[in-house]
Amino acid sequence: MEQIINITEEAALQIKDMMKQNEEEGAFLRVGVKGGGCSGLSYGMGFAHEVEEGDQELEQHGIKVLIDKDSIPILKGTIINYKQSLMGGGFTIDNPNAIASCGCGSSFKTATNAGSPEDC
């Protein structure tokens, strides 16, 4: 079965560090998409403790991931990476389904889902 998302090793190490710092070891990483942002959709990542109805469960690099059923088609093929730079580090999300995104890189739209754009 094809993975919906791929978490790079660098991102996994950062997520594990964040789990440890926030005493969230053993939690799920919830990845999803919601309406908003200047292009119409925005990504969400956070820790969760319960599987909700319709969630897809997967595991990568020892991290248990949850994706809600509405986000699955939008996130298919997405790569989550972590890059360190002189300005600090941050997660990067490379979504092959995004046809337009805004300058901040956290808001986007797909060919089939424009979301609900807001003012930047």
N, C-alpha and C. Protein backbone atom coordinates (compact mmCIF):
# COMPACT_ATOMS: atom_id res chain seq x y z
N MET A 1 0.84 -1.20 0.00
CA MET A 1 0.00 0.00 0.00
C MET A 1 0.88 1.26 0.00
N GLU A 2 0.55 2.20 -0.86
CA GLU A 2 1.30 3.44 -0.97
C GLU A 2 1.09 4.31 0.28
N GLN A 3 2.19 4.87 0.77
CA GLN A 3 2.09 5.76 1.92
C GLN A 3 1.40 7.05 1.49
N ILE A 4 0.56 7.59 2.35
CA ILE A 4 -0.10 8.86 2.07
C ILE A 4 0.92 9.99 2.16
N ILE A 5 1.69 9.98 3.25
CA ILE A 5 2.74 10.98 3.42
C ILE A 5 4.06 10.26 3.71
N ASN A 6 5.14 10.95 3.46
CA ASN A 6 6.47 10.43 3.78
C ASN A 6 7.16 11.44 4.68
N ILE A 7 7.60 10.96 5.83
CA ILE A 7 8.34 11.80 6.77
C ILE A 7 9.81 11.45 6.62
N THR A 8 10.65 12.44 6.34
CA THR A 8 12.08 12.16 6.18
C THR A 8 12.68 11.85 7.55
N GLU A 9 13.86 11.26 7.51
CA GLU A 9 14.55 10.93 8.76
C GLU A 9 14.85 12.19 9.58
N GLU A 10 15.23 13.29 8.90
CA GLU A 10 15.51 14.55 9.60
C GLU A 10 14.28 15.06 10.33
N ALA A 11 13.12 15.01 9.64
CA ALA A 11 11.87 15.46 10.26
C ALA A 11 11.50 14.55 11.42
N ALA A 12 11.69 13.25 11.25
CA ALA A 12 11.35 12.30 12.32
C ALA A 12 12.17 12.57 13.57
N LEU A 13 13.47 12.84 13.40
CA LEU A 13 14.32 13.14 14.56
C LEU A 13 13.83 14.39 15.27
N GLN A 14 13.44 15.41 14.51
CA GLN A 14 12.95 16.66 15.09
C GLN A 14 11.63 16.42 15.82
N ILE A 15 10.74 15.64 15.22
CA ILE A 15 9.44 15.34 15.85
C ILE A 15 9.65 14.58 17.16
N LYS A 16 10.57 13.60 17.14
CA LYS A 16 10.87 12.84 18.37
C LYS A 16 11.42 13.76 19.46
N ASP A 17 12.31 14.71 19.07
CA ASP A 17 12.83 15.69 20.02
C ASP A 17 11.70 16.52 20.62
N MET A 18 10.79 16.98 19.76
CA MET A 18 9.67 17.80 20.23
C MET A 18 8.77 16.99 21.16
N MET A 19 8.55 15.71 20.85
CA MET A 19 7.74 14.85 21.71
C MET A 19 8.38 14.74 23.09
N LYS A 20 9.70 14.57 23.10
CA LYS A 20 10.42 14.44 24.36
C LYS A 20 10.33 15.73 25.17
N GLN A 21 10.60 16.87 24.51
CA GLN A 21 10.57 18.18 25.18
C GLN A 21 9.19 18.49 25.77
N ASN A 22 8.13 18.06 25.08
CA ASN A 22 6.77 18.36 25.51
C ASN A 22 6.13 17.21 26.29
N GLU A 23 6.96 16.22 26.68
CA GLU A 23 6.48 15.03 27.40
C GLU A 23 5.30 14.39 26.68
N GLU A 24 5.46 14.24 25.37
CA GLU A 24 4.41 13.65 24.53
C GLU A 24 4.84 12.32 23.92
N GLU A 25 5.88 11.68 24.51
CA GLU A 25 6.32 10.39 23.97
C GLU A 25 5.14 9.42 23.99
N GLY A 26 5.00 8.68 22.92
CA GLY A 26 3.89 7.73 22.85
C GLY A 26 2.65 8.34 22.22
N ALA A 27 2.64 9.66 22.00
CA ALA A 27 1.49 10.31 21.36
C ALA A 27 1.53 10.05 19.86
N PHE A 28 0.41 10.30 19.21
CA PHE A 28 0.34 10.25 17.75
C PHE A 28 0.74 11.62 17.22
N LEU A 29 1.26 11.66 16.00
CA LEU A 29 1.43 12.91 15.29
C LEU A 29 0.23 13.02 14.36
N ARG A 30 -0.60 14.04 14.57
CA ARG A 30 -1.76 14.24 13.70
C ARG A 30 -1.38 15.25 12.62
N VAL A 31 -1.54 14.83 11.36
CA VAL A 31 -1.25 15.68 10.22
C VAL A 31 -2.56 15.87 9.47
N GLY A 32 -2.88 17.12 9.13
CA GLY A 32 -4.14 17.36 8.44
C GLY A 32 -4.13 18.67 7.67
N VAL A 33 -5.26 18.92 7.05
CA VAL A 33 -5.45 20.12 6.25
C VAL A 33 -6.75 20.76 6.70
N LYS A 34 -6.76 22.09 6.80
CA LYS A 34 -7.99 22.78 7.13
C LYS A 34 -8.14 24.00 6.23
N GLY A 35 -9.34 24.53 6.14
CA GLY A 35 -9.57 25.73 5.35
C GLY A 35 -8.90 26.92 6.01
N GLY A 36 -8.45 27.85 5.18
CA GLY A 36 -7.84 29.07 5.72
C GLY A 36 -6.55 29.39 5.01
N GLY A 37 -5.89 30.41 5.49
CA GLY A 37 -4.67 30.87 4.83
C GLY A 37 -5.01 31.65 3.58
N CYS A 38 -4.04 32.34 3.01
CA CYS A 38 -4.34 33.21 1.87
C CYS A 38 -4.60 32.44 0.58
N SER A 39 -4.17 31.18 0.48
CA SER A 39 -4.44 30.40 -0.73
C SER A 39 -5.65 29.48 -0.57
N GLY A 40 -6.20 29.35 0.62
CA GLY A 40 -7.44 28.59 0.80
C GLY A 40 -7.35 27.38 1.71
N LEU A 41 -6.18 26.73 1.78
CA LEU A 41 -5.99 25.57 2.65
C LEU A 41 -4.70 25.77 3.44
N SER A 42 -4.64 25.22 4.64
CA SER A 42 -3.39 25.28 5.38
C SER A 42 -3.16 23.96 6.11
N TYR A 43 -1.89 23.67 6.35
CA TYR A 43 -1.50 22.42 7.00
C TYR A 43 -1.59 22.56 8.51
N GLY A 44 -1.84 21.43 9.16
CA GLY A 44 -1.81 21.40 10.61
C GLY A 44 -1.04 20.16 11.05
N MET A 45 -0.19 20.33 12.07
CA MET A 45 0.52 19.20 12.67
C MET A 45 0.49 19.41 14.17
N GLY A 46 0.20 18.35 14.90
CA GLY A 46 0.19 18.44 16.35
C GLY A 46 0.14 17.05 16.95
N PHE A 47 0.18 17.01 18.27
CA PHE A 47 0.15 15.72 18.95
C PHE A 47 -1.28 15.37 19.34
N ALA A 48 -1.61 14.09 19.24
CA ALA A 48 -2.95 13.61 19.58
C ALA A 48 -2.82 12.34 20.40
N HIS A 49 -3.83 12.07 21.20
CA HIS A 49 -3.80 10.89 22.06
C HIS A 49 -4.90 9.89 21.72
N GLU A 50 -5.81 10.28 20.83
CA GLU A 50 -6.91 9.38 20.49
C GLU A 50 -7.08 9.28 18.98
N VAL A 51 -7.40 8.07 18.52
CA VAL A 51 -7.73 7.85 17.13
C VAL A 51 -9.21 8.20 16.96
N GLU A 52 -9.52 9.05 16.00
CA GLU A 52 -10.91 9.42 15.75
C GLU A 52 -11.46 8.63 14.58
N GLU A 53 -12.78 8.55 14.49
CA GLU A 53 -13.43 7.79 13.43
C GLU A 53 -13.00 8.30 12.06
N GLY A 54 -12.59 7.40 11.19
CA GLY A 54 -12.18 7.77 9.84
C GLY A 54 -10.69 8.07 9.71
N ASP A 55 -9.97 8.09 10.84
CA ASP A 55 -8.53 8.36 10.79
C ASP A 55 -7.79 7.22 10.11
N GLN A 56 -6.79 7.56 9.32
CA GLN A 56 -5.87 6.58 8.75
C GLN A 56 -4.65 6.58 9.67
N GLU A 57 -4.23 5.40 10.09
CA GLU A 57 -3.07 5.27 10.97
C GLU A 57 -1.89 4.73 10.17
N LEU A 58 -0.71 5.33 10.35
CA LEU A 58 0.49 4.78 9.75
C LEU A 58 1.66 5.04 10.68
N GLU A 59 2.76 4.38 10.41
CA GLU A 59 3.95 4.56 11.24
C GLU A 59 5.17 4.74 10.36
N GLN A 60 5.99 5.75 10.69
CA GLN A 60 7.23 6.00 9.96
C GLN A 60 8.31 6.39 10.94
N HIS A 61 9.46 5.76 10.81
CA HIS A 61 10.62 6.06 11.68
C HIS A 61 10.24 5.99 13.16
N GLY A 62 9.31 5.08 13.50
CA GLY A 62 8.92 4.92 14.90
C GLY A 62 7.90 5.94 15.38
N ILE A 63 7.38 6.77 14.48
CA ILE A 63 6.37 7.77 14.86
C ILE A 63 5.02 7.29 14.34
N LYS A 64 4.04 7.24 15.25
CA LYS A 64 2.68 6.86 14.86
C LYS A 64 1.97 8.11 14.36
N VAL A 65 1.44 8.03 13.13
CA VAL A 65 0.83 9.19 12.47
C VAL A 65 -0.65 8.94 12.25
N LEU A 66 -1.47 9.98 12.45
CA LEU A 66 -2.90 9.94 12.16
C LEU A 66 -3.21 10.99 11.11
N ILE A 67 -4.04 10.61 10.12
CA ILE A 67 -4.50 11.55 9.10
C ILE A 67 -6.01 11.37 8.98
N ASP A 68 -6.76 12.48 9.10
CA ASP A 68 -8.22 12.37 9.00
C ASP A 68 -8.63 12.09 7.55
N LYS A 69 -9.80 11.46 7.40
CA LYS A 69 -10.22 10.98 6.07
C LYS A 69 -10.37 12.10 5.04
N ASP A 70 -10.73 13.32 5.46
CA ASP A 70 -10.88 14.42 4.52
C ASP A 70 -9.53 14.92 4.00
N SER A 71 -8.47 14.74 4.80
CA SER A 71 -7.14 15.22 4.41
C SER A 71 -6.38 14.22 3.53
N ILE A 72 -6.78 12.95 3.56
CA ILE A 72 -6.05 11.89 2.84
C ILE A 72 -5.85 12.22 1.36
N PRO A 73 -6.93 12.53 0.58
CA PRO A 73 -6.70 12.77 -0.85
C PRO A 73 -5.86 14.03 -1.12
N ILE A 74 -5.94 15.00 -0.24
CA ILE A 74 -5.19 16.25 -0.42
C ILE A 74 -3.70 16.04 -0.12
N LEU A 75 -3.39 15.15 0.83
CA LEU A 75 -2.02 14.95 1.27
C LEU A 75 -1.27 13.82 0.55
N LYS A 76 -1.97 13.08 -0.29
CA LYS A 76 -1.36 11.91 -0.94
C LYS A 76 -0.05 12.28 -1.65
N GLY A 77 1.05 11.63 -1.26
CA GLY A 77 2.35 11.87 -1.89
C GLY A 77 3.17 12.99 -1.24
N THR A 78 2.65 13.59 -0.18
CA THR A 78 3.33 14.71 0.47
C THR A 78 4.57 14.25 1.24
N ILE A 79 5.63 15.04 1.16
CA ILE A 79 6.87 14.76 1.89
C ILE A 79 7.05 15.84 2.96
N ILE A 80 7.22 15.40 4.20
CA ILE A 80 7.48 16.32 5.30
C ILE A 80 8.97 16.19 5.65
N ASN A 81 9.67 17.32 5.58
CA ASN A 81 11.10 17.35 5.84
C ASN A 81 11.39 18.40 6.91
N TYR A 82 12.60 18.38 7.43
CA TYR A 82 13.04 19.41 8.37
C TYR A 82 14.38 19.92 7.88
N LYS A 83 14.49 21.23 7.71
CA LYS A 83 15.73 21.81 7.22
C LYS A 83 16.26 22.82 8.21
N GLN A 84 17.56 22.73 8.45
CA GLN A 84 18.26 23.65 9.35
C GLN A 84 18.95 24.70 8.50
N SER A 85 18.88 25.97 8.93
CA SER A 85 19.58 27.02 8.20
C SER A 85 20.14 28.01 9.21
N LEU A 86 20.82 29.03 8.71
CA LEU A 86 21.38 30.05 9.60
C LEU A 86 20.28 30.79 10.36
N MET A 87 19.09 30.84 9.79
CA MET A 87 17.97 31.54 10.42
C MET A 87 17.20 30.62 11.37
N GLY A 88 17.71 29.43 11.61
CA GLY A 88 16.99 28.47 12.44
C GLY A 88 16.49 27.33 11.58
N GLY A 89 15.67 26.49 12.16
CA GLY A 89 15.16 25.35 11.42
C GLY A 89 13.66 25.42 11.26
N GLY A 90 13.16 24.59 10.37
CA GLY A 90 11.72 24.54 10.18
C GLY A 90 11.31 23.36 9.33
N PHE A 91 10.06 22.97 9.49
CA PHE A 91 9.51 21.89 8.68
C PHE A 91 9.16 22.42 7.30
N THR A 92 9.42 21.62 6.29
CA THR A 92 9.00 21.95 4.93
C THR A 92 8.03 20.87 4.48
N ILE A 93 7.01 21.28 3.75
CA ILE A 93 5.99 20.35 3.28
C ILE A 93 5.93 20.45 1.76
N ASP A 94 6.26 19.35 1.09
CA ASP A 94 6.26 19.30 -0.36
C ASP A 94 5.06 18.47 -0.80
N ASN A 95 4.01 19.16 -1.24
CA ASN A 95 2.76 18.49 -1.62
C ASN A 95 2.60 18.54 -3.14
N PRO A 96 2.67 17.38 -3.80
CA PRO A 96 2.54 17.36 -5.26
C PRO A 96 1.15 17.75 -5.74
N ASN A 97 0.15 17.78 -4.85
CA ASN A 97 -1.22 18.14 -5.22
C ASN A 97 -1.46 19.64 -5.20
N ALA A 98 -0.57 20.40 -4.59
CA ALA A 98 -0.75 21.85 -4.50
C ALA A 98 -0.48 22.49 -5.86
N ILE A 99 -1.45 23.26 -6.36
CA ILE A 99 -1.26 23.95 -7.64
C ILE A 99 -0.95 25.43 -7.43
N ALA A 100 -1.19 25.92 -6.24
CA ALA A 100 -0.86 27.31 -5.92
C ALA A 100 -0.59 27.39 -4.44
N SER A 101 0.42 28.18 -4.08
CA SER A 101 0.69 28.37 -2.66
C SER A 101 1.11 29.82 -2.46
N CYS A 102 1.03 30.28 -1.23
CA CYS A 102 1.39 31.67 -0.97
C CYS A 102 2.86 31.74 -0.56
N GLY A 103 3.35 32.93 -0.41
CA GLY A 103 4.75 33.15 -0.10
C GLY A 103 5.22 32.50 1.18
N CYS A 104 4.33 32.37 2.16
CA CYS A 104 4.74 31.78 3.44
C CYS A 104 4.91 30.27 3.34
N GLY A 105 4.33 29.66 2.28
CA GLY A 105 4.50 28.23 2.06
C GLY A 105 3.60 27.35 2.91
N SER A 106 2.79 27.95 3.79
CA SER A 106 1.95 27.11 4.64
C SER A 106 0.50 27.12 4.18
N SER A 107 0.20 27.87 3.13
CA SER A 107 -1.15 27.93 2.59
C SER A 107 -1.09 27.53 1.12
N PHE A 108 -2.09 26.79 0.67
CA PHE A 108 -2.07 26.27 -0.70
C PHE A 108 -3.47 25.93 -1.15
N LYS A 109 -3.63 25.55 -2.42
CA LYS A 109 -4.89 24.97 -2.90
C LYS A 109 -4.55 23.88 -3.89
N THR A 110 -5.50 22.97 -4.11
CA THR A 110 -5.30 21.89 -5.07
C THR A 110 -6.26 22.11 -6.23
N ALA A 111 -6.13 21.29 -7.26
CA ALA A 111 -7.00 21.40 -8.43
C ALA A 111 -8.45 21.14 -8.07
N THR A 112 -8.69 20.30 -7.06
CA THR A 112 -10.06 19.94 -6.71
C THR A 112 -10.55 20.59 -5.43
N ASN A 113 -9.68 21.28 -4.70
CA ASN A 113 -10.09 21.86 -3.43
C ASN A 113 -9.44 23.22 -3.25
N ALA A 114 -10.26 24.29 -3.37
CA ALA A 114 -9.74 25.65 -3.23
C ALA A 114 -9.76 26.11 -1.77
N GLY A 115 -10.44 25.35 -0.89
CA GLY A 115 -10.50 25.74 0.51
C GLY A 115 -11.28 27.00 0.72
N SER A 116 -10.94 27.77 1.74
CA SER A 116 -11.62 29.04 2.02
C SER A 116 -10.57 30.11 2.28
N PRO A 117 -10.13 30.78 1.20
CA PRO A 117 -9.07 31.78 1.35
C PRO A 117 -9.44 32.92 2.29
N GLU A 118 -8.41 33.42 2.98
CA GLU A 118 -8.56 34.57 3.87
C GLU A 118 -7.57 35.62 3.41
N ASP A 119 -7.72 36.83 3.94
CA ASP A 119 -6.74 37.88 3.63
C ASP A 119 -5.43 37.55 4.32
N CYS A 120 -4.30 37.84 3.65
CA CYS A 120 -2.99 37.63 4.26
C CYS A 120 -2.71 38.70 5.29
